[in-house]
Amino acid sequence: MSAAAAVTDDSFKQEVLESEIPVLVDFWAPWCGPCRMVAPVVDEIAEQYAGQIKVVKLNTDDNPNIASQYGIRSIPTLMIFKGGNKVDMVVGAVPKTTLSNTLEKYL
């Protein structure tokens, strides 16, 4: 069971842009090997920062509009939103420490 909720083109604005707390968005696709590698890290982050950061996943195959709107060219891309704006991003399967250090700046 994933700790990160799924978002879609339709729910992105409400779930991410209108969130009261910072949001980590994992742009991924089922066929992407590195996405599967980073998925457990994303879930650990969701549990570790529960209540401080919202963690969601967006399947780029099913939701091309948001992916193209944010210029997603390679996945996995992990994007951080705060107050409705993209504030940071990490591309590729990164270690948990890298992701934590990036997120800490926005808490």
PDB file of N, CA and C in Angstrom:
ATOM      1  N   MET A   1       0.853  -1.201   0.000  1.00  0.00           N
ATOM      2  CA  MET A   1       0.000   0.000   0.000  1.00  0.00           C
ATOM      3  C   MET A   1       0.891   1.254   0.000  1.00  0.00           C
ATOM      4  N   SER A   2       0.671   2.081  -0.971  1.00  0.00           N
ATOM      5  CA  SER A   2       1.469   3.296  -1.092  1.00  0.00           C
ATOM      6  C   SER A   2       1.000   4.355  -0.094  1.00  0.00           C
ATOM      7  N   ALA A   3       1.966   5.017   0.516  1.00  0.00           N
ATOM      8  CA  ALA A   3       1.620   6.091   1.454  1.00  0.00           C
ATOM      9  C   ALA A   3       1.303   7.380   0.708  1.00  0.00           C
ATOM     10  N   ALA A   4       1.677   7.420  -0.564  1.00  0.00           N
ATOM     11  CA  ALA A   4       1.452   8.611  -1.376  1.00  0.00           C
ATOM     12  C   ALA A   4       0.150   8.470  -2.150  1.00  0.00           C
ATOM     13  N   ALA A   5      -0.687   9.493  -2.101  1.00  0.00           N
ATOM     14  CA  ALA A   5      -1.969   9.465  -2.803  1.00  0.00           C
ATOM     15  C   ALA A   5      -1.764   9.769  -4.284  1.00  0.00           C
ATOM     16  N   ALA A   6      -2.620   9.202  -5.106  1.00  0.00           N
ATOM     17  CA  ALA A   6      -2.542   9.477  -6.545  1.00  0.00           C
ATOM     18  C   ALA A   6      -3.308  10.755  -6.869  1.00  0.00           C
ATOM     19  N   VAL A   7      -2.744  11.579  -7.741  1.00  0.00           N
ATOM     20  CA  VAL A   7      -3.469  12.752  -8.243  1.00  0.00           C
ATOM     21  C   VAL A   7      -3.573  12.639  -9.759  1.00  0.00           C
ATOM     22  N   THR A   8      -4.517  13.385 -10.314  1.00  0.00           N
ATOM     23  CA  THR A   8      -4.777  13.348 -11.752  1.00  0.00           C
ATOM     24  C   THR A   8      -4.759  14.769 -12.293  1.00  0.00           C
ATOM     25  N   ASP A   9      -4.882  14.886 -13.606  1.00  0.00           N
ATOM     26  CA  ASP A   9      -5.015  16.207 -14.225  1.00  0.00           C
ATOM     27  C   ASP A   9      -6.154  16.983 -13.557  1.00  0.00           C
ATOM     28  N   ASP A  10      -7.244  16.272 -13.244  1.00  0.00           N
ATOM     29  CA  ASP A  10      -8.428  16.920 -12.685  1.00  0.00           C
ATOM     30  C   ASP A  10      -8.265  17.341 -11.227  1.00  0.00           C
ATOM     31  N   SER A  11      -7.538  16.536 -10.441  1.00  0.00           N
ATOM     32  CA  SER A  11      -7.454  16.830  -9.006  1.00  0.00           C
ATOM     33  C   SER A  11      -6.193  17.616  -8.627  1.00  0.00           C
ATOM     34  N   PHE A  12      -5.295  17.820  -9.588  1.00  0.00           N
ATOM     35  CA  PHE A  12      -3.996  18.441  -9.300  1.00  0.00           C
ATOM     36  C   PHE A  12      -4.129  19.821  -8.645  1.00  0.00           C
ATOM     37  N   LYS A  13      -4.978  20.664  -9.206  1.00  0.00           N
ATOM     38  CA  LYS A  13      -5.124  22.028  -8.678  1.00  0.00           C
ATOM     39  C   LYS A  13      -5.557  21.999  -7.212  1.00  0.00           C
ATOM     40  N   GLN A  14      -6.582  21.199  -6.923  1.00  0.00           N
ATOM     41  CA  GLN A  14      -7.098  21.125  -5.557  1.00  0.00           C
ATOM     42  C   GLN A  14      -6.098  20.484  -4.602  1.00  0.00           C
ATOM     43  N   GLU A  15      -5.531  19.350  -5.016  1.00  0.00           N
ATOM     44  CA  GLU A  15      -4.661  18.582  -4.124  1.00  0.00           C
ATOM     45  C   GLU A  15      -3.281  19.200  -3.936  1.00  0.00           C
ATOM     46  N   VAL A  16      -2.763  19.826  -4.986  1.00  0.00           N
ATOM     47  CA  VAL A  16      -1.386  20.314  -4.950  1.00  0.00           C
ATOM     48  C   VAL A  16      -1.318  21.833  -4.831  1.00  0.00           C
ATOM     49  N   LEU A  17      -1.910  22.525  -5.785  1.00  0.00           N
ATOM     50  CA  LEU A  17      -1.763  23.984  -5.824  1.00  0.00           C
ATOM     51  C   LEU A  17      -2.487  24.679  -4.679  1.00  0.00           C
ATOM     52  N   GLU A  18      -3.587  24.073  -4.210  1.00  0.00           N
ATOM     53  CA  GLU A  18      -4.364  24.711  -3.134  1.00  0.00           C
ATOM     54  C   GLU A  18      -4.058  24.126  -1.755  1.00  0.00           C
ATOM     55  N   SER A  19      -3.032  23.287  -1.679  1.00  0.00           N
ATOM     56  CA  SER A  19      -2.681  22.660  -0.398  1.00  0.00           C
ATOM     57  C   SER A  19      -2.147  23.690   0.588  1.00  0.00           C
ATOM     58  N   GLU A  20      -2.500  23.506   1.861  1.00  0.00           N
ATOM     59  CA  GLU A  20      -2.033  24.398   2.929  1.00  0.00           C
ATOM     60  C   GLU A  20      -0.565  24.142   3.273  1.00  0.00           C
ATOM     61  N   ILE A  21      -0.114  22.925   3.015  1.00  0.00           N
ATOM     62  CA  ILE A  21       1.260  22.541   3.356  1.00  0.00           C
ATOM     63  C   ILE A  21       2.027  22.228   2.067  1.00  0.00           C
ATOM     64  N   PRO A  22       3.362  22.215   2.127  1.00  0.00           N
ATOM     65  CA  PRO A  22       4.143  21.881   0.925  1.00  0.00           C
ATOM     66  C   PRO A  22       3.765  20.498   0.388  1.00  0.00           C
ATOM     67  N   VAL A  23       3.871  20.345  -0.918  1.00  0.00           N
ATOM     68  CA  VAL A  23       3.508  19.079  -1.570  1.00  0.00           C
ATOM     69  C   VAL A  23       4.678  18.572  -2.389  1.00  0.00           C
ATOM     70  N   LEU A  24       4.983  17.290  -2.218  1.00  0.00           N
ATOM     71  CA  LEU A  24       5.968  16.615  -3.057  1.00  0.00           C
ATOM     72  C   LEU A  24       5.189  15.810  -4.089  1.00  0.00           C
ATOM     73  N   VAL A  25       5.420  16.105  -5.378  1.00  0.00           N
ATOM     74  CA  VAL A  25       4.737  15.381  -6.444  1.00  0.00           C
ATOM     75  C   VAL A  25       5.736  14.466  -7.142  1.00  0.00           C
ATOM     76  N   ASP A  26       5.421  13.186  -7.160  1.00  0.00           N
ATOM     77  CA  ASP A  26       6.246  12.194  -7.844  1.00  0.00           C
ATOM     78  C   ASP A  26       5.637  11.946  -9.221  1.00  0.00           C
ATOM     79  N   PHE A  27       6.298  12.470 -10.262  1.00  0.00           N
ATOM     80  CA  PHE A  27       5.863  12.209 -11.638  1.00  0.00           C
ATOM     81  C   PHE A  27       6.479  10.879 -12.067  1.00  0.00           C
ATOM     82  N   TRP A  28       5.653   9.905 -12.415  1.00  0.00           N
ATOM     83  CA  TRP A  28       6.134   8.557 -12.690  1.00  0.00           C
ATOM     84  C   TRP A  28       5.283   7.900 -13.778  1.00  0.00           C
ATOM     85  N   ALA A  29       5.701   6.718 -14.211  1.00  0.00           N
ATOM     86  CA  ALA A  29       4.917   5.882 -15.127  1.00  0.00           C
ATOM     87  C   ALA A  29       5.225   4.415 -14.824  1.00  0.00           C
ATOM     88  N   PRO A  30       4.250   3.545 -15.071  1.00  0.00           N
ATOM     89  CA  PRO A  30       4.414   2.124 -14.723  1.00  0.00           C
ATOM     90  C   PRO A  30       5.596   1.440 -15.417  1.00  0.00           C
ATOM     91  N   TRP A  31       5.946   1.867 -16.617  1.00  0.00           N
ATOM     92  CA  TRP A  31       7.011   1.208 -17.385  1.00  0.00           C
ATOM     93  C   TRP A  31       8.409   1.686 -17.003  1.00  0.00           C
ATOM     94  N   CYS A  32       8.491   2.659 -16.108  1.00  0.00           N
ATOM     95  CA  CYS A  32       9.763   3.317 -15.788  1.00  0.00           C
ATOM     96  C   CYS A  32      10.481   2.609 -14.629  1.00  0.00           C
ATOM     97  N   GLY A  33      11.622   1.971 -14.940  1.00  0.00           N
ATOM     98  CA  GLY A  33      12.389   1.253 -13.919  1.00  0.00           C
ATOM     99  C   GLY A  33      12.848   2.117 -12.756  1.00  0.00           C
ATOM    100  N   PRO A  34      13.519   3.258 -13.034  1.00  0.00           N
ATOM    101  CA  PRO A  34      13.952   4.135 -11.937  1.00  0.00           C
ATOM    102  C   PRO A  34      12.787   4.634 -11.076  1.00  0.00           C
ATOM    103  N   CYS A  35      11.602   4.772 -11.685  1.00  0.00           N
ATOM    104  CA  CYS A  35      10.425   5.185 -10.901  1.00  0.00           C
ATOM    105  C   CYS A  35      10.104   4.144  -9.840  1.00  0.00           C
ATOM    106  N   ARG A  36      10.234   2.867 -10.221  1.00  0.00           N
ATOM    107  CA  ARG A  36       9.969   1.791  -9.260  1.00  0.00           C
ATOM    108  C   ARG A  36      11.030   1.782  -8.160  1.00  0.00           C
ATOM    109  N   MET A  37      12.248   2.181  -8.524  1.00  0.00           N
ATOM    110  CA  MET A  37      13.316   2.233  -7.518  1.00  0.00           C
ATOM    111  C   MET A  37      13.072   3.345  -6.490  1.00  0.00           C
ATOM    112  N   VAL A  38      12.550   4.469  -6.949  1.00  0.00           N
ATOM    113  CA  VAL A  38      12.376   5.608  -6.051  1.00  0.00           C
ATOM    114  C   VAL A  38      11.051   5.540  -5.271  1.00  0.00           C
ATOM    115  N   ALA A  39      10.119   4.711  -5.731  1.00  0.00           N
ATOM    116  CA  ALA A  39       8.800   4.622  -5.092  1.00  0.00           C
ATOM    117  C   ALA A  39       8.849   4.337  -3.584  1.00  0.00           C
ATOM    118  N   PRO A  40       9.656   3.355  -3.121  1.00  0.00           N
ATOM    119  CA  PRO A  40       9.716   3.106  -1.669  1.00  0.00           C
ATOM    120  C   PRO A  40      10.275   4.308  -0.903  1.00  0.00           C
ATOM    121  N   VAL A  41      11.201   5.029  -1.503  1.00  0.00           N
ATOM    122  CA  VAL A  41      11.775   6.222  -0.872  1.00  0.00           C
ATOM    123  C   VAL A  41      10.694   7.291  -0.710  1.00  0.00           C
ATOM    124  N   VAL A  42       9.891   7.460  -1.753  1.00  0.00           N
ATOM    125  CA  VAL A  42       8.802   8.436  -1.717  1.00  0.00           C
ATOM    126  C   VAL A  42       7.795   8.063  -0.620  1.00  0.00           C
ATOM    127  N   ASP A  43       7.487   6.770  -0.503  1.00  0.00           N
ATOM    128  CA  ASP A  43       6.567   6.325   0.544  1.00  0.00           C
ATOM    129  C   ASP A  43       7.148   6.552   1.945  1.00  0.00           C
ATOM    130  N   GLU A  44       8.447   6.313   2.102  1.00  0.00           N
ATOM    131  CA  GLU A  44       9.095   6.559   3.401  1.00  0.00           C
ATOM    132  C   GLU A  44       9.036   8.036   3.760  1.00  0.00           C
ATOM    133  N   ILE A  45       9.264   8.885   2.762  1.00  0.00           N
ATOM    134  CA  ILE A  45       9.183  10.332   2.974  1.00  0.00           C
ATOM    135  C   ILE A  45       7.761  10.713   3.411  1.00  0.00           C
ATOM    136  N   ALA A  46       6.756  10.115   2.749  1.00  0.00           N
ATOM    137  CA  ALA A  46       5.352  10.399   3.079  1.00  0.00           C
ATOM    138  C   ALA A  46       5.060  10.072   4.539  1.00  0.00           C
ATOM    139  N   GLU A  47       5.610   8.946   5.010  1.00  0.00           N
ATOM    140  CA  GLU A  47       5.382   8.541   6.401  1.00  0.00           C
ATOM    141  C   GLU A  47       6.177   9.415   7.366  1.00  0.00           C
ATOM    142  N   GLN A  48       7.430   9.669   7.017  1.00  0.00           N
ATOM    143  CA  GLN A  48       8.308  10.440   7.895  1.00  0.00           C
ATOM    144  C   GLN A  48       7.811  11.875   8.104  1.00  0.00           C
ATOM    145  N   TYR A  49       7.274  12.468   7.036  1.00  0.00           N
ATOM    146  CA  TYR A  49       6.857  13.872   7.106  1.00  0.00           C
ATOM    147  C   TYR A  49       5.341  14.042   7.153  1.00  0.00           C
ATOM    148  N   ALA A  50       4.635  12.976   7.561  1.00  0.00           N
ATOM    149  CA  ALA A  50       3.172  13.036   7.624  1.00  0.00           C
ATOM    150  C   ALA A  50       2.728  14.251   8.429  1.00  0.00           C
ATOM    151  N   GLY A  51       1.805  15.023   7.869  1.00  0.00           N
ATOM    152  CA  GLY A  51       1.319  16.216   8.547  1.00  0.00           C
ATOM    153  C   GLY A  51       2.118  17.469   8.226  1.00  0.00           C
ATOM    154  N   GLN A  52       3.351  17.297   7.750  1.00  0.00           N
ATOM    155  CA  GLN A  52       4.199  18.444   7.409  1.00  0.00           C
ATOM    156  C   GLN A  52       4.259  18.657   5.904  1.00  0.00           C
ATOM    157  N   ILE A  53       4.268  17.539   5.190  1.00  0.00           N
ATOM    158  CA  ILE A  53       4.353  17.572   3.735  1.00  0.00           C
ATOM    159  C   ILE A  53       3.353  16.578   3.177  1.00  0.00           C
ATOM    160  N   LYS A  54       2.620  17.009   2.146  1.00  0.00           N
ATOM    161  CA  LYS A  54       1.721  16.084   1.454  1.00  0.00           C
ATOM    162  C   LYS A  54       2.516  15.458   0.318  1.00  0.00           C
ATOM    163  N   VAL A  55       2.391  14.142   0.163  1.00  0.00           N
ATOM    164  CA  VAL A  55       3.111  13.446  -0.901  1.00  0.00           C
ATOM    165  C   VAL A  55       2.094  12.802  -1.839  1.00  0.00           C
ATOM    166  N   VAL A  56       2.213  13.124  -3.119  1.00  0.00           N
ATOM    167  CA  VAL A  56       1.289  12.576  -4.111  1.00  0.00           C
ATOM    168  C   VAL A  56       2.069  12.061  -5.315  1.00  0.00           C
ATOM    169  N   LYS A  57       1.435  11.178  -6.083  1.00  0.00           N
ATOM    170  CA  LYS A  57       2.049  10.612  -7.288  1.00  0.00           C
ATOM    171  C   LYS A  57       1.160  10.928  -8.487  1.00  0.00           C
ATOM    172  N   LEU A  58       1.801  11.289  -9.600  1.00  0.00           N
ATOM    173  CA  LEU A  58       1.055  11.559 -10.817  1.00  0.00           C
ATOM    174  C   LEU A  58       1.591  10.667 -11.935  1.00  0.00           C
ATOM    175  N   ASN A  59       0.728   9.798 -12.449  1.00  0.00           N
ATOM    176  CA  ASN A  59       1.092   8.915 -13.547  1.00  0.00           C
ATOM    177  C   ASN A  59       1.091   9.745 -14.832  1.00  0.00           C
ATOM    178  N   THR A  60       2.273   9.948 -15.415  1.00  0.00           N
ATOM    179  CA  THR A  60       2.399  10.833 -16.571  1.00  0.00           C
ATOM    180  C   THR A  60       1.742  10.246 -17.818  1.00  0.00           C
ATOM    181  N   ASP A  61       1.597   8.915 -17.879  1.00  0.00           N
ATOM    182  CA  ASP A  61       0.913   8.293 -19.015  1.00  0.00           C
ATOM    183  C   ASP A  61      -0.582   8.624 -18.998  1.00  0.00           C
ATOM    184  N   ASP A  62      -1.159   8.579 -17.802  1.00  0.00           N
ATOM    185  CA  ASP A  62      -2.604   8.813 -17.661  1.00  0.00           C
ATOM    186  C   ASP A  62      -2.951  10.292 -17.574  1.00  0.00           C
ATOM    187  N   ASN A  63      -1.972  11.129 -17.211  1.00  0.00           N
ATOM    188  CA  ASN A  63      -2.230  12.552 -16.978  1.00  0.00           C
ATOM    189  C   ASN A  63      -1.214  13.433 -17.703  1.00  0.00           C
ATOM    190  N   PRO A  64      -1.268  13.419 -19.050  1.00  0.00           N
ATOM    191  CA  PRO A  64      -0.253  14.131 -19.828  1.00  0.00           C
ATOM    192  C   PRO A  64      -0.331  15.656 -19.716  1.00  0.00           C
ATOM    193  N   ASN A  65      -1.511  16.179 -19.377  1.00  0.00           N
ATOM    194  CA  ASN A  65      -1.672  17.644 -19.354  1.00  0.00           C
ATOM    195  C   ASN A  65      -0.798  18.303 -18.303  1.00  0.00           C
ATOM    196  N   ILE A  66      -0.872  17.800 -17.076  1.00  0.00           N
ATOM    197  CA  ILE A  66      -0.066  18.372 -15.989  1.00  0.00           C
ATOM    198  C   ILE A  66       1.410  18.142 -16.269  1.00  0.00           C
ATOM    199  N   ALA A  67       1.746  16.949 -16.737  1.00  0.00           N
ATOM    200  CA  ALA A  67       3.148  16.632 -17.029  1.00  0.00           C
ATOM    201  C   ALA A  67       3.724  17.606 -18.056  1.00  0.00           C
ATOM    202  N   SER A  68       2.977  17.887 -19.112  1.00  0.00           N
ATOM    203  CA  SER A  68       3.508  18.790 -20.137  1.00  0.00           C
ATOM    204  C   SER A  68       3.478  20.238 -19.654  1.00  0.00           C
ATOM    205  N   GLN A  69       2.497  20.569 -18.830  1.00  0.00           N
ATOM    206  CA  GLN A  69       2.406  21.927 -18.273  1.00  0.00           C
ATOM    207  C   GLN A  69       3.669  22.267 -17.467  1.00  0.00           C
ATOM    208  N   TYR A  70       4.215  21.278 -16.770  1.00  0.00           N
ATOM    209  CA  TYR A  70       5.408  21.505 -15.949  1.00  0.00           C
ATOM    210  C   TYR A  70       6.689  21.048 -16.644  1.00  0.00           C
ATOM    211  N   GLY A  71       6.586  20.747 -17.933  1.00  0.00           N
ATOM    212  CA  GLY A  71       7.779  20.436 -18.726  1.00  0.00           C
ATOM    213  C   GLY A  71       8.507  19.181 -18.307  1.00  0.00           C
ATOM    214  N   ILE A  72       7.750  18.169 -17.883  1.00  0.00           N
ATOM    215  CA  ILE A  72       8.371  16.912 -17.471  1.00  0.00           C
ATOM    216  C   ILE A  72       8.914  16.194 -18.700  1.00  0.00           C
ATOM    217  N   ARG A  73      10.221  16.049 -18.768  1.00  0.00           N
ATOM    218  CA  ARG A  73      10.838  15.369 -19.906  1.00  0.00           C
ATOM    219  C   ARG A  73      11.413  14.019 -19.534  1.00  0.00           C
ATOM    220  N   SER A  74      11.874  13.879 -18.318  1.00  0.00           N
ATOM    221  CA  SER A  74      12.385  12.579 -17.885  1.00  0.00           C
ATOM    222  C   SER A  74      11.774  12.249 -16.531  1.00  0.00           C
ATOM    223  N   ILE A  75      11.502  10.982 -16.340  1.00  0.00           N
ATOM    224  CA  ILE A  75      10.931  10.555 -15.067  1.00  0.00           C
ATOM    225  C   ILE A  75      11.839   9.486 -14.470  1.00  0.00           C
ATOM    226  N   PRO A  76      11.869   9.335 -13.151  1.00  0.00           N
ATOM    227  CA  PRO A  76      11.038  10.097 -12.217  1.00  0.00           C
ATOM    228  C   PRO A  76      11.514  11.544 -12.043  1.00  0.00           C
ATOM    229  N   THR A  77      10.541  12.433 -11.936  1.00  0.00           N
ATOM    230  CA  THR A  77      10.823  13.804 -11.524  1.00  0.00           C
ATOM    231  C   THR A  77      10.022  14.051 -10.258  1.00  0.00           C
ATOM    232  N   LEU A  78      10.697  14.532  -9.233  1.00  0.00           N
ATOM    233  CA  LEU A  78      10.045  14.848  -7.963  1.00  0.00           C
ATOM    234  C   LEU A  78      10.022  16.364  -7.841  1.00  0.00           C
ATOM    235  N   MET A  79       8.820  16.919  -7.789  1.00  0.00           N
ATOM    236  CA  MET A  79       8.669  18.367  -7.766  1.00  0.00           C
ATOM    237  C   MET A  79       8.069  18.798  -6.433  1.00  0.00           C
ATOM    238  N   ILE A  80       8.571  19.897  -5.901  1.00  0.00           N
ATOM    239  CA  ILE A  80       8.057  20.411  -4.637  1.00  0.00           C
ATOM    240  C   ILE A  80       7.283  21.693  -4.909  1.00  0.00           C
ATOM    241  N   PHE A  81       6.052  21.711  -4.404  1.00  0.00           N
ATOM    242  CA  PHE A  81       5.198  22.883  -4.541  1.00  0.00           C
ATOM    243  C   PHE A  81       4.928  23.465  -3.167  1.00  0.00           C
ATOM    244  N   LYS A  82       4.913  24.779  -3.090  1.00  0.00           N
ATOM    245  CA  LYS A  82       4.577  25.451  -1.836  1.00  0.00           C
ATOM    246  C   LYS A  82       3.778  26.695  -2.188  1.00  0.00           C
ATOM    247  N   GLY A  83       2.620  26.840  -1.559  1.00  0.00           N
ATOM    248  CA  GLY A  83       1.783  28.003  -1.825  1.00  0.00           C
ATOM    249  C   GLY A  83       1.358  28.101  -3.275  1.00  0.00           C
ATOM    250  N   GLY A  84       1.177  26.939  -3.922  1.00  0.00           N
ATOM    251  CA  GLY A  84       0.699  26.931  -5.292  1.00  0.00           C
ATOM    252  C   GLY A  84       1.773  27.111  -6.350  1.00  0.00           C
ATOM    253  N   ASN A  85       3.030  27.251  -5.932  1.00  0.00           N
ATOM    254  CA  ASN A  85       4.124  27.445  -6.882  1.00  0.00           C
ATOM    255  C   ASN A  85       5.139  26.318  -6.804  1.00  0.00           C
ATOM    256  N   LYS A  86       5.746  25.999  -7.942  1.00  0.00           N
ATOM    257  CA  LYS A  86       6.839  25.035  -7.961  1.00  0.00           C
ATOM    258  C   LYS A  86       8.055  25.717  -7.366  1.00  0.00           C
ATOM    259  N   VAL A  87       8.608  25.157  -6.304  1.00  0.00           N
ATOM    260  CA  VAL A  87       9.757  25.781  -5.639  1.00  0.00           C
ATOM    261  C   VAL A  87      11.057  25.011  -5.836  1.00  0.00           C
ATOM    262  N   ASP A  88      10.953  23.725  -6.195  1.00  0.00           N
ATOM    263  CA  ASP A  88      12.175  22.936  -6.356  1.00  0.00           C
ATOM    264  C   ASP A  88      11.842  21.656  -7.093  1.00  0.00           C
ATOM    265  N   MET A  89      12.874  20.983  -7.612  1.00  0.00           N
ATOM    266  CA  MET A  89      12.658  19.685  -8.230  1.00  0.00           C
ATOM    267  C   MET A  89      13.918  18.845  -8.187  1.00  0.00           C
ATOM    268  N   VAL A  90      13.724  17.546  -8.174  1.00  0.00           N
ATOM    269  CA  VAL A  90      14.816  16.581  -8.190  1.00  0.00           C
ATOM    270  C   VAL A  90      14.487  15.604  -9.309  1.00  0.00           C
ATOM    271  N   VAL A  91      15.429  15.388 -10.227  1.00  0.00           N
ATOM    272  CA  VAL A  91      15.191  14.476 -11.333  1.00  0.00           C
ATOM    273  C   VAL A  91      16.000  13.200 -11.143  1.00  0.00           C
ATOM    274  N   GLY A  92      15.339  12.068 -11.363  1.00  0.00           N
ATOM    275  CA  GLY A  92      16.023  10.787 -11.259  1.00  0.00           C
ATOM    276  C   GLY A  92      15.786  10.104  -9.932  1.00  0.00           C
ATOM    277  N   ALA A  93      16.237   8.859  -9.852  1.00  0.00           N
ATOM    278  CA  ALA A  93      16.098   8.079  -8.624  1.00  0.00           C
ATOM    279  C   ALA A  93      17.214   8.506  -7.666  1.00  0.00           C
ATOM    280  N   VAL A  94      16.866   9.294  -6.687  1.00  0.00           N
ATOM    281  CA  VAL A  94      17.860   9.840  -5.755  1.00  0.00           C
ATOM    282  C   VAL A  94      17.758   9.134  -4.407  1.00  0.00           C
ATOM    283  N   PRO A  95      18.856   9.151  -3.623  1.00  0.00           N
ATOM    284  CA  PRO A  95      18.797   8.572  -2.273  1.00  0.00           C
ATOM    285  C   PRO A  95      17.852   9.375  -1.383  1.00  0.00           C
ATOM    286  N   LYS A  96      17.352   8.717  -0.352  1.00  0.00           N
ATOM    287  CA  LYS A  96      16.408   9.362   0.555  1.00  0.00           C
ATOM    288  C   LYS A  96      17.013  10.617   1.198  1.00  0.00           C
ATOM    289  N   THR A  97      18.304  10.574   1.523  1.00  0.00           N
ATOM    290  CA  THR A  97      18.942  11.731   2.164  1.00  0.00           C
ATOM    291  C   THR A  97      18.879  12.970   1.256  1.00  0.00           C
ATOM    292  N   THR A  98      19.092  12.763  -0.031  1.00  0.00           N
ATOM    293  CA  THR A  98      19.032  13.876  -0.980  1.00  0.00           C
ATOM    294  C   THR A  98      17.651  14.500  -0.978  1.00  0.00           C
ATOM    295  N   LEU A  99      16.632  13.644  -1.015  1.00  0.00           N
ATOM    296  CA  LEU A  99      15.255  14.123  -1.037  1.00  0.00           C
ATOM    297  C   LEU A  99      14.893  14.810   0.279  1.00  0.00           C
ATOM    298  N   SER A 100      15.287  14.216   1.396  1.00  0.00           N
ATOM    299  CA  SER A 100      15.011  14.816   2.707  1.00  0.00           C
ATOM    300  C   SER A 100      15.644  16.196   2.827  1.00  0.00           C
ATOM    301  N   ASN A 101      16.919  16.291   2.416  1.00  0.00           N
ATOM    302  CA  ASN A 101      17.624  17.574   2.519  1.00  0.00           C
ATOM    303  C   ASN A 101      16.957  18.651   1.679  1.00  0.00           C
ATOM    304  N   THR A 102      16.453  18.263   0.512  1.00  0.00           N
ATOM    305  CA  THR A 102      15.762  19.212  -0.351  1.00  0.00           C
ATOM    306  C   THR A 102      14.456  19.666   0.298  1.00  0.00           C
ATOM    307  N   LEU A 103      13.714  18.714   0.856  1.00  0.00           N
ATOM    308  CA  LEU A 103      12.427  19.031   1.476  1.00  0.00           C
ATOM    309  C   LEU A 103      12.562  19.878   2.729  1.00  0.00           C
ATOM    310  N   GLU A 104      13.607  19.623   3.512  1.00  0.00           N
ATOM    311  CA  GLU A 104      13.806  20.336   4.784  1.00  0.00           C
ATOM    312  C   GLU A 104      13.793  21.847   4.593  1.00  0.00           C
ATOM    313  N   LYS A 105      14.251  22.312   3.417  1.00  0.00           N
ATOM    314  CA  LYS A 105      14.320  23.748   3.152  1.00  0.00           C
ATOM    315  C   LYS A 105      12.955  24.421   3.129  1.00  0.00           C
ATOM    316  N   TYR A 106      11.912  23.623   2.937  1.00  0.00           N
ATOM    317  CA  TYR A 106      10.568  24.206   2.731  1.00  0.00           C
ATOM    318  C   TYR A 106       9.615  23.951   3.886  1.00  0.00           C
ATOM    319  N   LEU A 107      10.114  23.340   4.958  1.00  0.00           N
ATOM    320  CA  LEU A 107       9.259  23.061   6.115  1.00  0.00           C
ATOM    321  C   LEU A 107       9.096  24.288   6.996  1.00  0.00           C
TER     322      LEU A 107
END
